[in-house]
Amino acid sequence: MRILITLLIAVFIFGCASQGVRYTYDEIKNYPPDVQERIAKGEIALGMTKEQVRYAWGPPSTTRILTPEKGKQREEWVYSSSLGLLKSRLIFVDGKLTYIISNEQRIVNEE
């Protein structure tokens, strides 16, 4: 029983730690100040790159390449809650966040 409890505590601590810092200052220092601030707050906004979104929110739950449209590459990232419920669906066109379908509160809807 003690082993099980210890294992559960370790999984909880590891899971919480993996949700912590997603970047270092050196990785974001060349971004404009407003983008750095959004990343630090865990917010995303239209026009951000895939890298910037990953720094702000971490890796997505799932990704998939969509059919190109008008010669532009499209990719979908989905962020789900721990229960698997849809929280946010992000569409990138040529590497820039172009569409957000979400009920998430950490989004700034301005470019």
PDB file of N, CA and C in Angstrom:
ATOM      1  N   MET A   1       0.815  -1.194   0.000  1.00  0.00           N
ATOM      2  CA  MET A   1       0.000   0.000   0.000  1.00  0.00           C
ATOM      3  C   MET A   1       0.865   1.266   0.000  1.00  0.00           C
ATOM      4  N   ARG A   2       1.936   1.242   0.790  1.00  0.00           N
ATOM      5  CA  ARG A   2       2.828   2.407   0.830  1.00  0.00           C
ATOM      6  C   ARG A   2       3.460   2.660  -0.528  1.00  0.00           C
ATOM      7  N   ILE A   3       3.794   1.583  -1.219  1.00  0.00           N
ATOM      8  CA  ILE A   3       4.403   1.730  -2.551  1.00  0.00           C
ATOM      9  C   ILE A   3       3.416   2.404  -3.494  1.00  0.00           C
ATOM     10  N   LEU A   4       2.161   2.003  -3.445  1.00  0.00           N
ATOM     11  CA  LEU A   4       1.137   2.599  -4.294  1.00  0.00           C
ATOM     12  C   LEU A   4       0.965   4.088  -3.984  1.00  0.00           C
ATOM     13  N   ILE A   5       0.910   4.429  -2.717  1.00  0.00           N
ATOM     14  CA  ILE A   5       0.764   5.836  -2.331  1.00  0.00           C
ATOM     15  C   ILE A   5       1.982   6.635  -2.778  1.00  0.00           C
ATOM     16  N   THR A   6       3.172   6.095  -2.583  1.00  0.00           N
ATOM     17  CA  THR A   6       4.395   6.767  -3.014  1.00  0.00           C
ATOM     18  C   THR A   6       4.393   6.967  -4.522  1.00  0.00           C
ATOM     19  N   LEU A   7       3.967   5.954  -5.242  1.00  0.00           N
ATOM     20  CA  LEU A   7       3.908   6.046  -6.703  1.00  0.00           C
ATOM     21  C   LEU A   7       2.915   7.125  -7.134  1.00  0.00           C
ATOM     22  N   LEU A   8       1.756   7.182  -6.523  1.00  0.00           N
ATOM     23  CA  LEU A   8       0.759   8.202  -6.859  1.00  0.00           C
ATOM     24  C   LEU A   8       1.278   9.605  -6.559  1.00  0.00           C
ATOM     25  N   ILE A   9       1.962   9.768  -5.451  1.00  0.00           N
ATOM     26  CA  ILE A   9       2.530  11.082  -5.116  1.00  0.00           C
ATOM     27  C   ILE A   9       3.585  11.472  -6.133  1.00  0.00           C
ATOM     28  N   ALA A  10       4.432  10.525  -6.537  1.00  0.00           N
ATOM     29  CA  ALA A  10       5.475  10.804  -7.529  1.00  0.00           C
ATOM     30  C   ALA A  10       4.861  11.194  -8.869  1.00  0.00           C
ATOM     31  N   VAL A  11       3.819  10.495  -9.290  1.00  0.00           N
ATOM     32  CA  VAL A  11       3.145  10.820 -10.549  1.00  0.00           C
ATOM     33  C   VAL A  11       2.525  12.211 -10.464  1.00  0.00           C
ATOM     34  N   PHE A  12       1.893  12.528  -9.339  1.00  0.00           N
ATOM     35  CA  PHE A  12       1.291  13.847  -9.164  1.00  0.00           C
ATOM     36  C   PHE A  12       2.347  14.952  -9.230  1.00  0.00           C
ATOM     37  N   ILE A  13       3.448  14.765  -8.506  1.00  0.00           N
ATOM     38  CA  ILE A  13       4.514  15.772  -8.501  1.00  0.00           C
ATOM     39  C   ILE A  13       5.119  15.917  -9.875  1.00  0.00           C
ATOM     40  N   PHE A  14       5.398  14.805 -10.547  1.00  0.00           N
ATOM     41  CA  PHE A  14       5.973  14.870 -11.895  1.00  0.00           C
ATOM     42  C   PHE A  14       5.003  15.545 -12.851  1.00  0.00           C
ATOM     43  N   GLY A  15       3.729  15.213 -12.760  1.00  0.00           N
ATOM     44  CA  GLY A  15       2.717  15.821 -13.628  1.00  0.00           C
ATOM     45  C   GLY A  15       2.611  17.317 -13.416  1.00  0.00           C
ATOM     46  N   CYS A  16       2.657  17.758 -12.187  1.00  0.00           N
ATOM     47  CA  CYS A  16       2.607  19.199 -11.897  1.00  0.00           C
ATOM     48  C   CYS A  16       3.867  19.896 -12.376  1.00  0.00           C
ATOM     49  N   ALA A  17       5.005  19.256 -12.184  1.00  0.00           N
ATOM     50  CA  ALA A  17       6.265  19.866 -12.609  1.00  0.00           C
ATOM     51  C   ALA A  17       6.320  20.009 -14.116  1.00  0.00           C
ATOM     52  N   SER A  18       5.766  19.052 -14.844  1.00  0.00           N
ATOM     53  CA  SER A  18       5.813  19.129 -16.304  1.00  0.00           C
ATOM     54  C   SER A  18       4.915  20.241 -16.837  1.00  0.00           C
ATOM     55  N   GLN A  19       3.961  20.722 -16.035  1.00  0.00           N
ATOM     56  CA  GLN A  19       3.084  21.806 -16.446  1.00  0.00           C
ATOM     57  C   GLN A  19       3.672  23.171 -16.095  1.00  0.00           C
ATOM     58  N   GLY A  20       4.846  23.204 -15.465  1.00  0.00           N
ATOM     59  CA  GLY A  20       5.462  24.446 -15.025  1.00  0.00           C
ATOM     60  C   GLY A  20       6.077  25.220 -16.176  1.00  0.00           C
ATOM     61  N   VAL A  21       7.321  25.601 -16.024  1.00  0.00           N
ATOM     62  CA  VAL A  21       8.011  26.430 -16.995  1.00  0.00           C
ATOM     63  C   VAL A  21       8.163  25.689 -18.315  1.00  0.00           C
ATOM     64  N   ARG A  22       7.764  26.355 -19.396  1.00  0.00           N
ATOM     65  CA  ARG A  22       7.788  25.750 -20.720  1.00  0.00           C
ATOM     66  C   ARG A  22       8.878  26.358 -21.599  1.00  0.00           C
ATOM     67  N   TYR A  23       9.659  27.289 -21.057  1.00  0.00           N
ATOM     68  CA  TYR A  23      10.652  28.014 -21.841  1.00  0.00           C
ATOM     69  C   TYR A  23      11.657  28.649 -20.889  1.00  0.00           C
ATOM     70  N   THR A  24      12.751  29.127 -21.464  1.00  0.00           N
ATOM     71  CA  THR A  24      13.706  29.916 -20.695  1.00  0.00           C
ATOM     72  C   THR A  24      13.668  31.347 -21.238  1.00  0.00           C
ATOM     73  N   TYR A  25      14.182  32.274 -20.469  1.00  0.00           N
ATOM     74  CA  TYR A  25      14.208  33.661 -20.919  1.00  0.00           C
ATOM     75  C   TYR A  25      14.968  33.786 -22.236  1.00  0.00           C
ATOM     76  N   ASP A  26      16.074  33.065 -22.371  1.00  0.00           N
ATOM     77  CA  ASP A  26      16.868  33.136 -23.607  1.00  0.00           C
ATOM     78  C   ASP A  26      16.058  32.716 -24.837  1.00  0.00           C
ATOM     79  N   GLU A  27      15.115  31.814 -24.656  1.00  0.00           N
ATOM     80  CA  GLU A  27      14.316  31.353 -25.791  1.00  0.00           C
ATOM     81  C   GLU A  27      13.307  32.396 -26.269  1.00  0.00           C
ATOM     82  N   ILE A  28      12.862  33.281 -25.394  1.00  0.00           N
ATOM     83  CA  ILE A  28      11.834  34.253 -25.784  1.00  0.00           C
ATOM     84  C   ILE A  28      12.333  35.691 -25.814  1.00  0.00           C
ATOM     85  N   LYS A  29      13.596  35.931 -25.474  1.00  0.00           N
ATOM     86  CA  LYS A  29      14.094  37.306 -25.323  1.00  0.00           C
ATOM     87  C   LYS A  29      14.065  38.129 -26.604  1.00  0.00           C
ATOM     88  N   ASN A  30      14.065  37.491 -27.770  1.00  0.00           N
ATOM     89  CA  ASN A  30      14.060  38.236 -29.032  1.00  0.00           C
ATOM     90  C   ASN A  30      12.656  38.519 -29.564  1.00  0.00           C
ATOM     91  N   TYR A  31      11.637  38.036 -28.869  1.00  0.00           N
ATOM     92  CA  TYR A  31      10.262  38.333 -29.272  1.00  0.00           C
ATOM     93  C   TYR A  31       9.904  39.748 -28.827  1.00  0.00           C
ATOM     94  N   PRO A  32       8.927  40.358 -29.485  1.00  0.00           N
ATOM     95  CA  PRO A  32       8.465  41.682 -29.032  1.00  0.00           C
ATOM     96  C   PRO A  32       7.990  41.600 -27.576  1.00  0.00           C
ATOM     97  N   PRO A  33       8.091  42.688 -26.829  1.00  0.00           N
ATOM     98  CA  PRO A  33       7.694  42.675 -25.409  1.00  0.00           C
ATOM     99  C   PRO A  33       6.269  42.178 -25.167  1.00  0.00           C
ATOM    100  N   ASP A  34       5.324  42.545 -26.047  1.00  0.00           N
ATOM    101  CA  ASP A  34       3.940  42.099 -25.831  1.00  0.00           C
ATOM    102  C   ASP A  34       3.817  40.585 -25.974  1.00  0.00           C
ATOM    103  N   VAL A  35       4.575  39.985 -26.884  1.00  0.00           N
ATOM    104  CA  VAL A  35       4.541  38.531 -27.053  1.00  0.00           C
ATOM    105  C   VAL A  35       5.199  37.862 -25.849  1.00  0.00           C
ATOM    106  N   GLN A  36       6.305  38.417 -25.372  1.00  0.00           N
ATOM    107  CA  GLN A  36       6.950  37.872 -24.176  1.00  0.00           C
ATOM    108  C   GLN A  36       5.990  37.884 -22.990  1.00  0.00           C
ATOM    109  N   GLU A  37       5.254  38.988 -22.861  1.00  0.00           N
ATOM    110  CA  GLU A  37       4.307  39.115 -21.745  1.00  0.00           C
ATOM    111  C   GLU A  37       3.190  38.077 -21.860  1.00  0.00           C
ATOM    112  N   ARG A  38       2.660  37.903 -23.066  1.00  0.00           N
ATOM    113  CA  ARG A  38       1.600  36.895 -23.260  1.00  0.00           C
ATOM    114  C   ARG A  38       2.115  35.501 -22.917  1.00  0.00           C
ATOM    115  N   ILE A  39       3.320  35.171 -23.384  1.00  0.00           N
ATOM    116  CA  ILE A  39       3.891  33.858 -23.098  1.00  0.00           C
ATOM    117  C   ILE A  39       4.024  33.684 -21.586  1.00  0.00           C
ATOM    118  N   ALA A  40       4.554  34.681 -20.915  1.00  0.00           N
ATOM    119  CA  ALA A  40       4.747  34.602 -19.467  1.00  0.00           C
ATOM    120  C   ALA A  40       3.421  34.408 -18.729  1.00  0.00           C
ATOM    121  N   LYS A  41       2.342  34.998 -19.248  1.00  0.00           N
ATOM    122  CA  LYS A  41       1.016  34.867 -18.633  1.00  0.00           C
ATOM    123  C   LYS A  41       0.289  33.604 -19.067  1.00  0.00           C
ATOM    124  N   GLY A  42       0.860  32.864 -20.032  1.00  0.00           N
ATOM    125  CA  GLY A  42       0.183  31.671 -20.534  1.00  0.00           C
ATOM    126  C   GLY A  42      -0.960  32.004 -21.462  1.00  0.00           C
ATOM    127  N   GLU A  43      -0.877  33.139 -22.157  1.00  0.00           N
ATOM    128  CA  GLU A  43      -1.915  33.569 -23.091  1.00  0.00           C
ATOM    129  C   GLU A  43      -1.448  33.360 -24.526  1.00  0.00           C
ATOM    130  N   ILE A  44      -2.413  33.214 -25.424  1.00  0.00           N
ATOM    131  CA  ILE A  44      -2.115  33.139 -26.851  1.00  0.00           C
ATOM    132  C   ILE A  44      -2.918  34.208 -27.573  1.00  0.00           C
ATOM    133  N   ALA A  45      -2.516  34.521 -28.806  1.00  0.00           N
ATOM    134  CA  ALA A  45      -3.227  35.514 -29.607  1.00  0.00           C
ATOM    135  C   ALA A  45      -3.033  35.195 -31.075  1.00  0.00           C
ATOM    136  N   LEU A  46      -3.970  35.638 -31.891  1.00  0.00           N
ATOM    137  CA  LEU A  46      -3.848  35.468 -33.330  1.00  0.00           C
ATOM    138  C   LEU A  46      -2.537  36.070 -33.806  1.00  0.00           C
ATOM    139  N   GLY A  47      -1.910  35.417 -34.776  1.00  0.00           N
ATOM    140  CA  GLY A  47      -0.653  35.896 -35.329  1.00  0.00           C
ATOM    141  C   GLY A  47       0.577  35.289 -34.676  1.00  0.00           C
ATOM    142  N   MET A  48       0.404  34.637 -33.526  1.00  0.00           N
ATOM    143  CA  MET A  48       1.557  34.013 -32.876  1.00  0.00           C
ATOM    144  C   MET A  48       2.034  32.822 -33.706  1.00  0.00           C
ATOM    145  N   THR A  49       3.320  32.515 -33.597  1.00  0.00           N
ATOM    146  CA  THR A  49       3.875  31.354 -34.294  1.00  0.00           C
ATOM    147  C   THR A  49       3.594  30.092 -33.481  1.00  0.00           C
ATOM    148  N   LYS A  50       3.822  28.937 -34.115  1.00  0.00           N
ATOM    149  CA  LYS A  50       3.649  27.672 -33.397  1.00  0.00           C
ATOM    150  C   LYS A  50       4.587  27.601 -32.199  1.00  0.00           C
ATOM    151  N   GLU A  51       5.805  28.073 -32.370  1.00  0.00           N
ATOM    152  CA  GLU A  51       6.778  28.061 -31.279  1.00  0.00           C
ATOM    153  C   GLU A  51       6.306  28.925 -30.115  1.00  0.00           C
ATOM    154  N   GLN A  52       5.786  30.105 -30.403  1.00  0.00           N
ATOM    155  CA  GLN A  52       5.302  30.997 -29.353  1.00  0.00           C
ATOM    156  C   GLN A  52       4.122  30.388 -28.607  1.00  0.00           C
ATOM    157  N   VAL A  53       3.206  29.754 -29.331  1.00  0.00           N
ATOM    158  CA  VAL A  53       2.061  29.095 -28.694  1.00  0.00           C
ATOM    159  C   VAL A  53       2.542  27.949 -27.815  1.00  0.00           C
ATOM    160  N   ARG A  54       3.513  27.173 -28.299  1.00  0.00           N
ATOM    161  CA  ARG A  54       4.052  26.064 -27.507  1.00  0.00           C
ATOM    162  C   ARG A  54       4.694  26.596 -26.223  1.00  0.00           C
ATOM    163  N   TYR A  55       5.395  27.722 -26.300  1.00  0.00           N
ATOM    164  CA  TYR A  55       5.970  28.313 -25.089  1.00  0.00           C
ATOM    165  C   TYR A  55       4.874  28.758 -24.128  1.00  0.00           C
ATOM    166  N   ALA A  56       3.790  29.321 -24.645  1.00  0.00           N
ATOM    167  CA  ALA A  56       2.704  29.820 -23.800  1.00  0.00           C
ATOM    168  C   ALA A  56       1.885  28.701 -23.182  1.00  0.00           C
ATOM    169  N   TRP A  57       1.548  27.691 -23.962  1.00  0.00           N
ATOM    170  CA  TRP A  57       0.625  26.646 -23.510  1.00  0.00           C
ATOM    171  C   TRP A  57       1.241  25.269 -23.375  1.00  0.00           C
ATOM    172  N   GLY A  58       2.473  25.092 -23.844  1.00  0.00           N
ATOM    173  CA  GLY A  58       3.059  23.758 -23.825  1.00  0.00           C
ATOM    174  C   GLY A  58       2.611  22.971 -25.049  1.00  0.00           C
ATOM    175  N   PRO A  59       2.990  21.696 -25.106  1.00  0.00           N
ATOM    176  CA  PRO A  59       2.628  20.904 -26.284  1.00  0.00           C
ATOM    177  C   PRO A  59       1.123  20.620 -26.341  1.00  0.00           C
ATOM    178  N   PRO A  60       0.567  20.552 -27.547  1.00  0.00           N
ATOM    179  CA  PRO A  60      -0.865  20.254 -27.673  1.00  0.00           C
ATOM    180  C   PRO A  60      -1.153  18.788 -27.360  1.00  0.00           C
ATOM    181  N   SER A  61      -2.416  18.499 -27.080  1.00  0.00           N
ATOM    182  CA  SER A  61      -2.839  17.113 -26.848  1.00  0.00           C
ATOM    183  C   SER A  61      -2.712  16.303 -28.130  1.00  0.00           C
ATOM    184  N   THR A  62      -3.138  16.904 -29.241  1.00  0.00           N
ATOM    185  CA  THR A  62      -3.025  16.250 -30.549  1.00  0.00           C
ATOM    186  C   THR A  62      -2.734  17.293 -31.615  1.00  0.00           C
ATOM    187  N   THR A  63      -2.124  16.835 -32.699  1.00  0.00           N
ATOM    188  CA  THR A  63      -1.893  17.690 -33.860  1.00  0.00           C
ATOM    189  C   THR A  63      -2.250  16.914 -35.109  1.00  0.00           C
ATOM    190  N   ARG A  64      -2.593  17.631 -36.151  1.00  0.00           N
ATOM    191  CA  ARG A  64      -2.785  16.983 -37.452  1.00  0.00           C
ATOM    192  C   ARG A  64      -2.581  18.013 -38.553  1.00  0.00           C
ATOM    193  N   ILE A  65      -2.050  17.528 -39.647  1.00  0.00           N
ATOM    194  CA  ILE A  65      -1.844  18.357 -40.824  1.00  0.00           C
ATOM    195  C   ILE A  65      -3.163  18.377 -41.597  1.00  0.00           C
ATOM    196  N   LEU A  66      -3.626  19.553 -41.946  1.00  0.00           N
ATOM    197  CA  LEU A  66      -4.866  19.695 -42.707  1.00  0.00           C
ATOM    198  C   LEU A  66      -4.543  19.841 -44.186  1.00  0.00           C
ATOM    199  N   THR A  67      -5.537  19.657 -45.010  1.00  0.00           N
ATOM    200  CA  THR A  67      -5.377  19.834 -46.451  1.00  0.00           C
ATOM    201  C   THR A  67      -4.978  21.279 -46.737  1.00  0.00           C
ATOM    202  N   PRO A  68      -3.915  21.469 -47.533  1.00  0.00           N
ATOM    203  CA  PRO A  68      -3.515  22.845 -47.872  1.00  0.00           C
ATOM    204  C   PRO A  68      -4.668  23.583 -48.547  1.00  0.00           C
ATOM    205  N   GLU A  69      -4.706  24.885 -48.317  1.00  0.00           N
ATOM    206  CA  GLU A  69      -5.751  25.713 -48.909  1.00  0.00           C
ATOM    207  C   GLU A  69      -5.082  26.900 -49.609  1.00  0.00           C
ATOM    208  N   LYS A  70      -5.355  27.046 -50.893  1.00  0.00           N
ATOM    209  CA  LYS A  70      -4.761  28.122 -51.694  1.00  0.00           C
ATOM    210  C   LYS A  70      -3.235  28.112 -51.591  1.00  0.00           C
ATOM    211  N   GLY A  71      -2.663  26.903 -51.586  1.00  0.00           N
ATOM    212  CA  GLY A  71      -1.212  26.745 -51.539  1.00  0.00           C
ATOM    213  C   GLY A  71      -0.582  27.010 -50.185  1.00  0.00           C
ATOM    214  N   LYS A  72      -1.386  27.185 -49.146  1.00  0.00           N
ATOM    215  CA  LYS A  72      -0.847  27.477 -47.815  1.00  0.00           C
ATOM    216  C   LYS A  72      -0.968  26.248 -46.921  1.00  0.00           C
ATOM    217  N   GLN A  73       0.103  25.980 -46.177  1.00  0.00           N
ATOM    218  CA  GLN A  73       0.105  24.860 -45.243  1.00  0.00           C
ATOM    219  C   GLN A  73      -0.818  25.173 -44.072  1.00  0.00           C
ATOM    220  N   ARG A  74      -1.562  24.141 -43.638  1.00  0.00           N
ATOM    221  CA  ARG A  74      -2.462  24.315 -42.498  1.00  0.00           C
ATOM    222  C   ARG A  74      -2.241  23.187 -41.503  1.00  0.00           C
ATOM    223  N   GLU A  75      -2.280  23.529 -40.238  1.00  0.00           N
ATOM    224  CA  GLU A  75      -2.088  22.541 -39.179  1.00  0.00           C
ATOM    225  C   GLU A  75      -3.046  22.849 -38.041  1.00  0.00           C
ATOM    226  N   GLU A  76      -3.598  21.794 -37.442  1.00  0.00           N
ATOM    227  CA  GLU A  76      -4.525  21.943 -36.327  1.00  0.00           C
ATOM    228  C   GLU A  76      -3.885  21.406 -35.054  1.00  0.00           C
ATOM    229  N   TRP A  77      -3.958  22.192 -33.986  1.00  0.00           N
ATOM    230  CA  TRP A  77      -3.530  21.754 -32.664  1.00  0.00           C
ATOM    231  C   TRP A  77      -4.757  21.753 -31.771  1.00  0.00           C
ATOM    232  N   VAL A  78      -4.912  20.686 -30.992  1.00  0.00           N
ATOM    233  CA  VAL A  78      -6.025  20.594 -30.053  1.00  0.00           C
ATOM    234  C   VAL A  78      -5.460  20.465 -28.644  1.00  0.00           C
ATOM    235  N   TYR A  79      -5.953  21.297 -27.757  1.00  0.00           N
ATOM    236  CA  TYR A  79      -5.619  21.232 -26.337  1.00  0.00           C
ATOM    237  C   TYR A  79      -6.859  20.748 -25.607  1.00  0.00           C
ATOM    238  N   SER A  80      -6.730  19.635 -24.891  1.00  0.00           N
ATOM    239  CA  SER A  80      -7.852  19.045 -24.176  1.00  0.00           C
ATOM    240  C   SER A  80      -7.594  19.057 -22.684  1.00  0.00           C
ATOM    241  N   SER A  81      -8.670  18.996 -21.922  1.00  0.00           N
ATOM    242  CA  SER A  81      -8.537  18.896 -20.475  1.00  0.00           C
ATOM    243  C   SER A  81      -8.112  17.482 -20.125  1.00  0.00           C
ATOM    244  N   SER A  82      -7.803  17.264 -18.857  1.00  0.00           N
ATOM    245  CA  SER A  82      -7.379  15.936 -18.419  1.00  0.00           C
ATOM    246  C   SER A  82      -8.483  14.902 -18.607  1.00  0.00           C
ATOM    247  N   LEU A  83      -9.725  15.333 -18.693  1.00  0.00           N
ATOM    248  CA  LEU A  83     -10.837  14.405 -18.919  1.00  0.00           C
ATOM    249  C   LEU A  83     -11.077  14.154 -20.402  1.00  0.00           C
ATOM    250  N   GLY A  84     -10.267  14.799 -21.258  1.00  0.00           N
ATOM    251  CA  GLY A  84     -10.399  14.599 -22.694  1.00  0.00           C
ATOM    252  C   GLY A  84     -11.429  15.498 -23.352  1.00  0.00           C
ATOM    253  N   LEU A  85     -11.986  16.420 -22.600  1.00  0.00           N
ATOM    254  CA  LEU A  85     -12.974  17.327 -23.170  1.00  0.00           C
ATOM    255  C   LEU A  85     -12.262  18.410 -23.965  1.00  0.00           C
ATOM    256  N   LEU A  86     -12.840  18.801 -25.084  1.00  0.00           N
ATOM    257  CA  LEU A  86     -12.248  19.838 -25.929  1.00  0.00           C
ATOM    258  C   LEU A  86     -12.222  21.167 -25.185  1.00  0.00           C
ATOM    259  N   LYS A  87     -11.064  21.783 -25.162  1.00  0.00           N
ATOM    260  CA  LYS A  87     -10.933  23.127 -24.606  1.00  0.00           C
ATOM    261  C   LYS A  87     -10.633  24.105 -25.727  1.00  0.00           C
ATOM    262  N   SER A  88      -9.620  23.779 -26.532  1.00  0.00           N
ATOM    263  CA  SER A  88      -9.192  24.723 -27.559  1.00  0.00           C
ATOM    264  C   SER A  88      -8.736  23.999 -28.817  1.00  0.00           C
ATOM    265  N   ARG A  89      -9.167  24.536 -29.949  1.00  0.00           N
ATOM    266  CA  ARG A  89      -8.747  24.030 -31.264  1.00  0.00           C
ATOM    267  C   ARG A  89      -8.101  25.209 -31.980  1.00  0.00           C
ATOM    268  N   LEU A  90      -6.824  25.073 -32.307  1.00  0.00           N
ATOM    269  CA  LEU A  90      -6.066  26.147 -32.939  1.00  0.00           C
ATOM    270  C   LEU A  90      -5.691  25.747 -34.356  1.00  0.00           C
ATOM    271  N   ILE A  91      -5.870  26.650 -35.299  1.00  0.00           N
ATOM    272  CA  ILE A  91      -5.510  26.398 -36.694  1.00  0.00           C
ATOM    273  C   ILE A  91      -4.396  27.364 -37.080  1.00  0.00           C
ATOM    274  N   PHE A  92      -3.298  26.799 -37.555  1.00  0.00           N
ATOM    275  CA  PHE A  92      -2.161  27.584 -38.034  1.00  0.00           C
ATOM    276  C   PHE A  92      -2.149  27.540 -39.550  1.00  0.00           C
ATOM    277  N   VAL A  93      -1.955  28.688 -40.179  1.00  0.00           N
ATOM    278  CA  VAL A  93      -1.814  28.783 -41.629  1.00  0.00           C
ATOM    279  C   VAL A  93      -0.423  29.344 -41.888  1.00  0.00           C
ATOM    280  N   ASP A  94       0.379  28.577 -42.615  1.00  0.00           N
ATOM    281  CA  ASP A  94       1.781  28.936 -42.870  1.00  0.00           C
ATOM    282  C   ASP A  94       2.517  29.295 -41.583  1.00  0.00           C
ATOM    283  N   GLY A  95       2.256  28.527 -40.521  1.00  0.00           N
ATOM    284  CA  GLY A  95       2.987  28.678 -39.264  1.00  0.00           C
ATOM    285  C   GLY A  95       2.495  29.760 -38.334  1.00  0.00           C
ATOM    286  N   LYS A  96       1.439  30.483 -38.704  1.00  0.00           N
ATOM    287  CA  LYS A  96       0.893  31.555 -37.853  1.00  0.00           C
ATOM    288  C   LYS A  96      -0.495  31.160 -37.358  1.00  0.00           C
ATOM    289  N   LEU A  97      -0.766  31.445 -36.091  1.00  0.00           N
ATOM    290  CA  LEU A  97      -2.078  31.168 -35.514  1.00  0.00           C
ATOM    291  C   LEU A  97      -3.116  32.057 -36.189  1.00  0.00           C
ATOM    292  N   THR A  98      -4.076  31.415 -36.869  1.00  0.00           N
ATOM    293  CA  THR A  98      -5.043  32.149 -37.676  1.00  0.00           C
ATOM    294  C   THR A  98      -6.478  32.009 -37.166  1.00  0.00           C
ATOM    295  N   TYR A  99      -6.813  30.850 -36.615  1.00  0.00           N
ATOM    296  CA  TYR A  99      -8.163  30.604 -36.108  1.00  0.00           C
ATOM    297  C   TYR A  99      -8.080  29.988 -34.720  1.00  0.00           C
ATOM    298  N   ILE A 100      -8.975  30.439 -33.833  1.00  0.00           N
ATOM    299  CA  ILE A 100      -9.078  29.894 -32.484  1.00  0.00           C
ATOM    300  C   ILE A 100     -10.533  29.542 -32.236  1.00  0.00           C
ATOM    301  N   ILE A 101     -10.782  28.293 -31.872  1.00  0.00           N
ATOM    302  CA  ILE A 101     -12.116  27.851 -31.458  1.00  0.00           C
ATOM    303  C   ILE A 101     -11.928  27.341 -30.042  1.00  0.00           C
ATOM    304  N   SER A 102     -12.458  28.084 -29.050  1.00  0.00           N
ATOM    305  CA  SER A 102     -12.090  27.758 -27.676  1.00  0.00           C
ATOM    306  C   SER A 102     -13.066  28.318 -26.660  1.00  0.00           C
ATOM    307  N   ASN A 103     -13.058  27.677 -25.492  1.00  0.00           N
ATOM    308  CA  ASN A 103     -13.736  28.235 -24.331  1.00  0.00           C
ATOM    309  C   ASN A 103     -12.693  28.585 -23.263  1.00  0.00           C
ATOM    310  N   GLU A 104     -11.430  28.630 -23.673  1.00  0.00           N
ATOM    311  CA  GLU A 104     -10.299  28.909 -22.779  1.00  0.00           C
ATOM    312  C   GLU A 104     -10.234  30.397 -22.460  1.00  0.00           C
ATOM    313  N   GLN A 105      -9.859  30.723 -21.242  1.00  0.00           N
ATOM    314  CA  GLN A 105      -9.819  32.107 -20.792  1.00  0.00           C
ATOM    315  C   GLN A 105      -8.489  32.807 -21.061  1.00  0.00           C
ATOM    316  N   ARG A 106      -7.439  32.056 -21.406  1.00  0.00           N
ATOM    317  CA  ARG A 106      -6.104  32.651 -21.545  1.00  0.00           C
ATOM    318  C   ARG A 106      -5.827  33.121 -22.966  1.00  0.00           C
ATOM    319  N   ILE A 107      -6.821  33.561 -23.676  1.00  0.00           N
ATOM    320  CA  ILE A 107      -6.660  33.949 -25.067  1.00  0.00           C
ATOM    321  C   ILE A 107      -6.867  35.443 -25.227  1.00  0.00           C
ATOM    322  N   VAL A 108      -5.997  36.063 -25.982  1.00  0.00           N
ATOM    323  CA  VAL A 108      -6.149  37.472 -26.360  1.00  0.00           C
ATOM    324  C   VAL A 108      -6.507  37.459 -27.822  1.00  0.00           C
ATOM    325  N   ASN A 109      -7.676  37.953 -28.190  1.00  0.00           N
ATOM    326  CA  ASN A 109      -8.167  37.849 -29.563  1.00  0.00           C
ATOM    327  C   ASN A 109      -7.787  39.029 -30.450  1.00  0.00           C
ATOM    328  N   GLU A 110      -6.652  39.596 -30.226  1.00  0.00           N
ATOM    329  CA  GLU A 110      -6.209  40.686 -31.081  1.00  0.00           C
ATOM    330  C   GLU A 110      -4.816  40.354 -31.588  1.00  0.00           C
ATOM    331  N   GLU A 111      -4.497  40.849 -32.775  1.00  0.00           N
ATOM    332  CA  GLU A 111      -3.178  40.578 -33.347  1.00  0.00           C
ATOM    333  C   GLU A 111      -2.173  41.559 -32.825  1.00  0.00           C
TER     334      GLU A 111
END
